[in-house]
Protein backbone atom coordinates (compact mmCIF):
# COMPACT_ATOMS: atom_id res chain seq x y z
CA MET A 1 1.19 -11.50 19.32
CA GLU A 2 1.28 -8.15 17.58
CA MET A 3 4.08 -5.63 17.76
CA LYS A 4 3.91 -1.87 17.84
CA MET A 5 5.30 -0.30 14.68
CA GLU A 6 8.34 1.07 16.54
CA GLU A 7 9.15 -2.37 17.99
CA ALA A 8 8.78 -4.02 14.62
CA ALA A 9 11.39 -1.77 13.04
CA GLY A 10 14.75 -3.34 13.68
CA LYS A 11 17.93 -1.38 14.23
CA GLY A 12 19.25 0.12 11.02
CA GLU A 13 15.79 0.31 9.44
CA GLY A 14 14.56 3.87 9.04
CA LEU A 15 10.97 4.72 9.88
CA VAL A 16 8.79 6.95 7.77
CA ARG A 17 5.50 8.53 8.85
CA VAL A 18 2.88 7.70 6.20
CA LYS A 19 -0.82 7.91 5.58
CA PHE A 20 -2.03 4.41 4.75
CA VAL A 21 -4.69 4.12 2.03
CA ASN A 22 -6.46 0.85 1.22
CA MET A 23 -7.40 1.27 -2.45
CA GLU A 24 -8.45 -2.36 -2.89
CA SER A 25 -11.08 -2.36 -0.11
CA PRO A 26 -11.64 1.20 1.16
CA GLY A 27 -12.49 1.40 4.85
CA VAL A 28 -11.19 -2.10 5.65
CA ASP A 29 -8.35 -2.63 8.17
CA ILE A 30 -5.51 -4.96 7.24
CA ARG A 31 -3.11 -7.13 9.22
CA PHE A 32 -0.16 -8.77 7.54
CA ASN A 33 3.16 -10.50 8.11
CA PHE A 34 6.30 -9.18 6.43
CA GLU A 35 9.64 -10.95 6.85
CA GLY A 36 8.44 -12.75 9.97
CA LYS A 37 7.02 -9.69 11.73
CA ASN A 38 3.32 -8.99 12.24
CA TYR A 39 1.98 -5.55 11.37
CA GLY A 40 -1.43 -4.07 11.93
CA PRO A 41 -4.13 -3.43 12.19
CA LEU A 42 -3.62 -0.62 9.68
CA SER A 43 -6.80 1.39 9.20
CA ASP A 44 -7.66 3.09 5.92
CA GLY A 45 -6.65 6.75 6.24
CA GLU A 46 -4.54 6.16 9.37
CA THR A 47 -1.22 7.94 9.88
CA CYS A 48 1.49 5.64 11.25
CA ASP A 49 5.24 5.05 11.35
CA LEU A 50 6.43 2.11 9.24
CA PRO A 51 9.87 0.81 8.26
CA TRP A 52 11.11 1.72 4.77
CA ASP A 53 11.03 -1.85 3.49
CA VAL A 54 7.39 -2.30 4.58
CA VAL A 55 6.39 0.96 2.84
CA GLU A 56 8.12 -0.16 -0.37
CA HIS A 57 6.43 -3.57 -0.14
CA LEU A 58 2.92 -2.15 0.35
CA ASN A 59 3.39 0.43 -2.42
CA GLY A 60 4.55 -2.32 -4.80
CA LEU A 61 1.54 -4.64 -4.42
CA SER A 62 -0.70 -4.60 -7.49
CA VAL A 63 -3.10 -6.77 -9.45
CA PRO A 64 -3.57 -6.96 -13.23
CA ARG A 65 -6.36 -4.92 -14.78
CA MET A 66 -8.11 -7.02 -17.42
CA GLU A 67 -10.58 -6.26 -20.16
CA PHE A 68 -12.17 -8.27 -22.95
CA ARG A 69 -11.28 -7.43 -26.54
CA PRO A 70 -12.53 -9.10 -29.71
CA ASP A 71 -10.04 -11.37 -31.48
CA PRO A 72 -9.66 -9.94 -35.03
CA GLU A 73 -9.43 -13.41 -36.60
CA THR A 74 -12.23 -15.26 -34.80
CA GLY A 75 -14.36 -12.47 -33.35
CA GLN A 76 -14.35 -14.21 -29.96
CA ALA A 77 -13.80 -12.14 -26.84
CA ARG A 78 -10.30 -12.59 -25.40
CA SER A 79 -9.03 -11.23 -22.11
CA ALA A 80 -6.15 -8.79 -22.30
CA MET A 81 -4.16 -7.11 -19.55
CA THR A 82 -4.47 -3.33 -19.91
CA GLY A 83 -2.40 -2.32 -16.89
CA ARG A 84 -2.05 -2.81 -13.16
CA THR A 85 -4.08 -1.51 -10.21
CA HIS A 86 -2.29 -0.84 -6.92
CA ARG A 87 -3.81 -2.42 -3.83
CA PHE A 88 -2.44 -0.06 -1.17
CA SER A 89 -0.66 3.27 -0.92
CA CYS A 90 1.60 4.62 1.80
CA VAL A 91 1.97 8.37 1.23
CA PRO A 92 4.63 10.20 3.30
CA VAL A 93 3.02 12.81 5.56
CA SER A 94 6.04 15.14 5.36
CA LEU A 95 9.68 14.85 4.47
CA ARG A 96 10.59 15.88 8.03
CA SER A 97 9.03 12.65 9.27
CA VAL A 98 11.54 10.59 7.30
CA GLN A 99 14.28 8.94 9.33
CA ALA A 100 16.95 7.72 6.94
CA PRO A 101 18.28 4.19 7.46
CA VAL A 102 21.47 4.08 9.55
């Protein structure tokens, strides 16, 4: 059973209107569970209202970016983390769409 975004936001949780971007798999819809509530489907490029904590969670998901570098002592290729790549982005549409938490 899926909830509408407005129903999923509990009392005291502010909603923010965002444009959802799937940077990991462009064009693919996602469904997910966050703190026991189901969200989605969120379509890539869709504008929707989400609770603050969900926006922070989605913006914080990332995976390590790896590359191979030669080991100076042995010459063998070793993997090294060179940074992180974000999976998703929730960009606020406008500051007027922000409803501060109560």
